[in-house]
Amino acid sequence: MIITPIAAFLFFSTATLAQQVVLDAIHNATSLTGTWSSGSRHVLTGPSFANPAKQTFNYPPTTGLSYSFTDNGFYEISRYRFIGNGTQPACIVGVIGWVHGRYTLNANGSITMTPFGDGFQQIQDPCAAVSNFIELYNQTEHYTSWRIFTDPVDGYKLHLFQYDGAPVPPQFQVSTQPNMLPTQLLRNVSAPGLTSQNRVVAPLSGAGRRWSASDAGSSAALAVALGLLSVVL
């Protein structure tokens, strides 16, 4: 049988993709277990960020994200970000969210995160008909790969890659012990109005907080003012 150059290329490319990712010490300098946070490390998982029972948040001074993992398969995620609008600069959307559940380290080096069902996020959009509301957030998330490197200045650094290969902002290890809320369902989510998209919109009362630049800290507000479409520190 004659193997043409194109056939050989396809064969070796397919074989490479089929190989399992080796989780070795070179690319995973320490355990995934613990709490990780991006940028200024103001966004952290745990009770200081969210109260699932009341569906409320304590706003950190800057945007960012934080992931925590236990050694027996539980995870928690806190996120805070702004999304700009290039055509309407005043219509900056603030999104703050929290979710937790169980994760699986798959044989091919990917991670699947399956939520318990009580995750939620707050959307603040000054240009929308409803400018401030809470909705459920319970999407199963898949990360194609992950790596932990040793940064010479900041120590262990976690890199996650989303389902489409896009990188998540790098996170640095804050603690070797996960700082998390209890690893169980923390709110009754069998509320009326739950749709097939797992979404319940609950407009906030007048006491609910609207977005303001002070919510993000001067650095995030400046970045949005400069026209960035999305800011995650």
Protein backbone atom coordinates (compact mmCIF):
# COMPACT_ATOMS: atom_id res chain seq x y z
CA MET A 1 0.00 0.00 0.00
CA ILE A 2 1.30 3.44 -0.93
CA ILE A 3 0.82 6.19 1.67
CA THR A 4 0.69 9.65 0.16
CA PRO A 5 2.01 12.67 2.09
CA ILE A 6 -1.55 13.89 2.70
CA ALA A 7 -2.67 10.51 4.03
CA ALA A 8 0.36 10.35 6.30
CA PHE A 9 -0.39 13.84 7.64
CA LEU A 10 -4.00 12.91 8.40
CA PHE A 11 -2.95 9.66 10.04
CA PHE A 12 -0.41 11.21 12.39
CA SER A 13 -2.66 14.21 13.17
CA THR A 14 -5.50 11.87 14.14
CA ALA A 15 -3.18 9.71 16.19
CA THR A 16 -1.91 12.76 18.04
CA LEU A 17 -5.43 13.94 18.85
CA ALA A 18 -6.34 10.48 20.12
CA GLN A 19 -3.47 10.38 22.60
CA GLN A 20 -4.37 10.88 26.21
CA VAL A 21 -2.91 13.95 27.88
CA VAL A 22 -0.24 12.92 30.36
CA LEU A 23 -0.74 14.72 33.67
CA ASP A 24 2.94 14.81 34.56
CA ALA A 25 4.99 16.91 36.97
CA ILE A 26 6.31 19.12 34.17
CA HIS A 27 2.86 20.50 33.30
CA ASN A 28 1.12 19.99 36.63
CA ALA A 29 3.54 21.20 39.23
CA THR A 30 1.11 20.69 42.12
CA SER A 31 -2.34 19.32 42.88
CA LEU A 32 -5.49 20.95 41.51
CA THR A 33 -6.89 20.86 45.06
CA GLY A 34 -7.23 24.26 46.72
CA THR A 35 -8.47 27.75 45.88
CA TRP A 36 -7.31 29.69 42.82
CA SER A 37 -7.94 33.31 41.85
CA SER A 38 -7.11 35.59 38.91
CA GLY A 39 -5.54 39.04 38.69
CA SER A 40 -5.67 41.02 41.91
CA ARG A 41 -7.16 37.95 43.67
CA HIS A 42 -10.03 39.99 45.11
CA VAL A 43 -12.62 37.53 43.76
CA LEU A 44 -12.66 34.37 45.88
CA THR A 45 -14.93 31.41 46.35
CA GLY A 46 -16.58 30.77 49.72
CA PRO A 47 -19.01 32.62 52.00
CA SER A 48 -17.38 36.03 51.56
CA PHE A 49 -18.56 36.18 47.93
CA ALA A 50 -22.09 34.75 47.72
CA ASN A 51 -25.05 33.78 49.89
CA PRO A 52 -26.95 31.14 47.87
CA ALA A 53 -29.81 30.90 50.40
CA LYS A 54 -30.65 34.60 49.87
CA GLN A 55 -29.30 34.84 46.30
CA THR A 56 -27.10 37.81 47.15
CA PHE A 57 -23.49 38.81 46.52
CA ASN A 58 -20.81 40.77 48.31
CA TYR A 59 -19.22 42.83 45.55
CA PRO A 60 -15.40 42.64 45.48
CA PRO A 61 -13.42 45.82 44.71
CA THR A 62 -12.26 44.54 41.29
CA THR A 63 -13.42 42.04 38.69
CA GLY A 64 -11.97 38.56 38.38
CA LEU A 65 -12.73 34.90 38.92
CA SER A 66 -11.94 32.13 41.36
CA TYR A 67 -12.12 28.32 41.22
CA SER A 68 -11.88 25.89 44.14
CA PHE A 69 -11.45 22.13 43.99
CA THR A 70 -11.57 19.45 46.67
CA ASP A 71 -9.59 16.23 46.40
CA ASN A 72 -12.81 14.18 46.30
CA GLY A 73 -14.50 15.75 43.26
CA PHE A 74 -16.28 18.94 44.35
CA TYR A 75 -15.81 22.40 42.81
CA GLU A 76 -17.01 25.98 43.27
CA ILE A 77 -16.69 29.00 40.94
CA SER A 78 -17.08 32.74 41.61
CA ARG A 79 -17.04 35.20 38.70
CA TYR A 80 -17.36 38.97 38.38
CA ARG A 81 -16.96 40.77 35.04
CA PHE A 82 -18.13 43.65 32.84
CA ILE A 83 -19.14 43.42 29.19
CA GLY A 84 -18.83 46.63 27.19
CA ASN A 85 -20.86 47.78 24.21
CA GLY A 86 -18.81 49.35 21.42
CA THR A 87 -21.80 51.10 19.84
CA GLN A 88 -23.37 52.22 23.14
CA PRO A 89 -20.53 52.93 25.59
CA ALA A 90 -22.96 53.77 28.39
CA CYS A 91 -24.57 50.33 28.17
CA ILE A 92 -22.02 48.41 30.22
CA VAL A 93 -23.34 45.09 31.51
CA GLY A 94 -22.18 43.80 34.87
CA VAL A 95 -22.35 40.06 35.52
CA ILE A 96 -21.61 38.45 38.87
CA GLY A 97 -22.20 34.74 39.39
CA TRP A 98 -21.65 31.72 41.61
CA VAL A 99 -22.00 27.97 41.00
CA HIS A 100 -20.84 24.70 42.58
CA GLY A 101 -21.13 20.99 42.00
CA ARG A 102 -19.01 17.95 41.14
CA TYR A 103 -16.13 17.72 38.68
CA THR A 104 -14.62 14.79 36.81
CA LEU A 105 -11.04 14.51 35.56
CA ASN A 106 -11.50 12.67 32.27
CA ALA A 107 -9.01 10.19 30.84
CA ASN A 108 -8.12 12.52 27.95
CA GLY A 109 -7.06 15.33 30.30
CA SER A 110 -10.29 17.33 30.11
CA ILE A 111 -12.48 18.39 33.04
CA THR A 112 -16.28 18.19 33.21
CA MET A 113 -18.03 20.31 35.86
CA THR A 114 -21.63 19.37 36.65
CA PRO A 115 -23.57 21.81 38.90
CA PHE A 116 -25.82 20.85 41.80
CA GLY A 117 -28.59 23.13 40.47
CA ASP A 118 -28.54 26.08 42.88
CA GLY A 119 -26.08 28.31 41.01
CA PHE A 120 -27.18 31.86 40.18
CA GLN A 121 -25.99 35.11 38.66
CA GLN A 122 -26.96 38.76 38.77
CA ILE A 123 -27.19 40.79 35.56
CA GLN A 124 -27.06 44.58 35.69
CA ASP A 125 -27.75 46.27 32.38
CA PRO A 126 -28.69 49.96 32.54
CA CYS A 127 -30.02 49.88 28.96
CA ALA A 128 -32.29 46.85 29.28
CA ALA A 129 -36.01 46.87 30.04
CA VAL A 130 -35.21 45.16 33.36
CA SER A 131 -31.94 46.71 34.48
CA ASN A 132 -31.17 44.47 37.45
CA PHE A 133 -32.22 40.85 37.90
CA ILE A 134 -31.19 37.45 39.24
CA GLU A 135 -31.31 34.26 37.16
CA LEU A 136 -30.36 30.64 37.75
CA TYR A 137 -27.02 29.54 36.36
CA ASN A 138 -26.59 25.80 36.10
CA GLN A 139 -24.68 25.00 32.94
CA THR A 140 -22.45 21.96 32.78
CA GLU A 141 -19.01 23.27 31.83
CA HIS A 142 -16.37 21.35 29.89
CA TYR A 143 -12.70 22.30 29.82
CA THR A 144 -10.61 20.61 27.16
CA SER A 145 -7.42 20.69 29.22
CA TRP A 146 -5.69 22.21 32.22
CA ARG A 147 -2.13 22.91 33.26
CA ILE A 148 -0.39 24.10 36.42
CA PHE A 149 2.96 25.86 36.03
CA THR A 150 5.31 27.48 38.53
CA ASP A 151 5.52 31.23 38.07
CA PRO A 152 8.88 32.58 39.32
CA VAL A 153 7.16 35.49 41.06
CA ASP A 154 3.65 34.37 42.01
CA GLY A 155 4.10 30.64 42.50
CA TYR A 156 1.68 28.04 41.16
CA LYS A 157 -0.42 29.23 38.21
CA LEU A 158 -3.48 27.37 36.86
CA HIS A 159 -4.42 27.48 33.18
CA LEU A 160 -7.83 26.17 32.08
CA PHE A 161 -9.00 25.90 28.47
CA GLN A 162 -12.71 26.06 27.66
CA TYR A 163 -14.70 23.68 25.44
CA ASP A 164 -13.68 25.65 22.34
CA GLY A 165 -10.02 25.88 23.36
CA ALA A 166 -10.26 29.51 24.54
CA PRO A 167 -8.09 30.11 27.61
CA VAL A 168 -9.57 31.11 30.94
CA PRO A 169 -7.62 33.96 32.58
CA PRO A 170 -4.75 32.40 34.55
CA GLN A 171 -5.32 31.90 38.27
CA PHE A 172 -2.84 31.76 41.10
CA GLN A 173 -3.05 29.46 44.08
CA VAL A 174 -4.46 31.32 47.08
CA SER A 175 -4.72 28.32 49.38
CA THR A 176 -3.89 24.62 49.24
CA GLN A 177 -7.15 24.00 51.13
CA PRO A 178 -10.35 24.79 49.19
CA ASN A 179 -12.28 27.78 50.55
CA MET A 180 -15.82 26.72 49.71
CA LEU A 181 -19.41 26.75 50.88
CA PRO A 182 -20.86 23.34 51.89
CA THR A 183 -20.65 20.84 49.03
CA GLN A 184 -24.38 20.17 48.81
CA LEU A 185 -27.58 21.77 47.51
CA LEU A 186 -27.91 25.04 49.44
CA ARG A 187 -31.28 26.28 48.18
CA ASN A 188 -34.56 24.76 47.08
CA VAL A 189 -34.48 25.23 43.30
CA SER A 190 -37.82 23.63 42.48
CA ALA A 191 -39.33 27.10 42.15
CA PRO A 192 -42.27 27.70 39.78
CA GLY A 193 -41.38 29.21 36.45
CA LEU A 194 -38.30 27.07 35.82
CA THR A 195 -37.93 26.76 32.07
CA SER A 196 -36.26 24.18 29.88
CA GLN A 197 -33.25 26.49 29.69
CA ASN A 198 -32.94 26.30 33.49
CA ARG A 199 -33.57 30.02 33.76
CA VAL A 200 -35.71 32.00 36.21
CA VAL A 201 -35.60 35.78 35.96
CA ALA A 202 -36.35 37.60 39.20
CA PRO A 203 -36.29 41.41 38.97
CA LEU A 204 -34.78 43.03 42.04
CA SER A 205 -36.63 45.48 44.22
CA GLY A 206 -35.61 49.07 44.67
CA ALA A 207 -33.19 47.93 47.31
CA GLY A 208 -31.24 45.90 44.78
CA ARG A 209 -27.95 47.38 43.66
CA ARG A 210 -27.53 48.91 40.23
CA TRP A 211 -24.15 48.91 38.54
CA SER A 212 -21.80 51.79 39.20
CA ALA A 213 -18.13 52.29 38.44
CA SER A 214 -17.30 52.07 42.13
CA ASP A 215 -18.49 48.45 42.15
CA ALA A 216 -15.52 47.45 40.05
CA GLY A 217 -12.75 49.60 41.42
CA SER A 218 -10.87 52.21 39.47
CA SER A 219 -8.84 49.74 37.40
CA ALA A 220 -11.83 47.89 35.95
CA ALA A 221 -13.77 51.11 35.38
CA LEU A 222 -10.82 52.60 33.51
CA ALA A 223 -10.47 49.54 31.30
CA VAL A 224 -14.15 49.66 30.38
CA ALA A 225 -13.92 53.38 29.69
CA LEU A 226 -11.12 52.68 27.23
CA GLY A 227 -13.54 50.57 25.18
CA LEU A 228 -12.65 46.99 26.04
CA LEU A 229 -15.50 44.63 25.20
CA SER A 230 -14.92 42.40 28.20
CA VAL A 231 -12.77 42.86 31.27
CA VAL A 232 -11.65 40.10 33.61
CA LEU A 233 -8.72 41.02 35.87
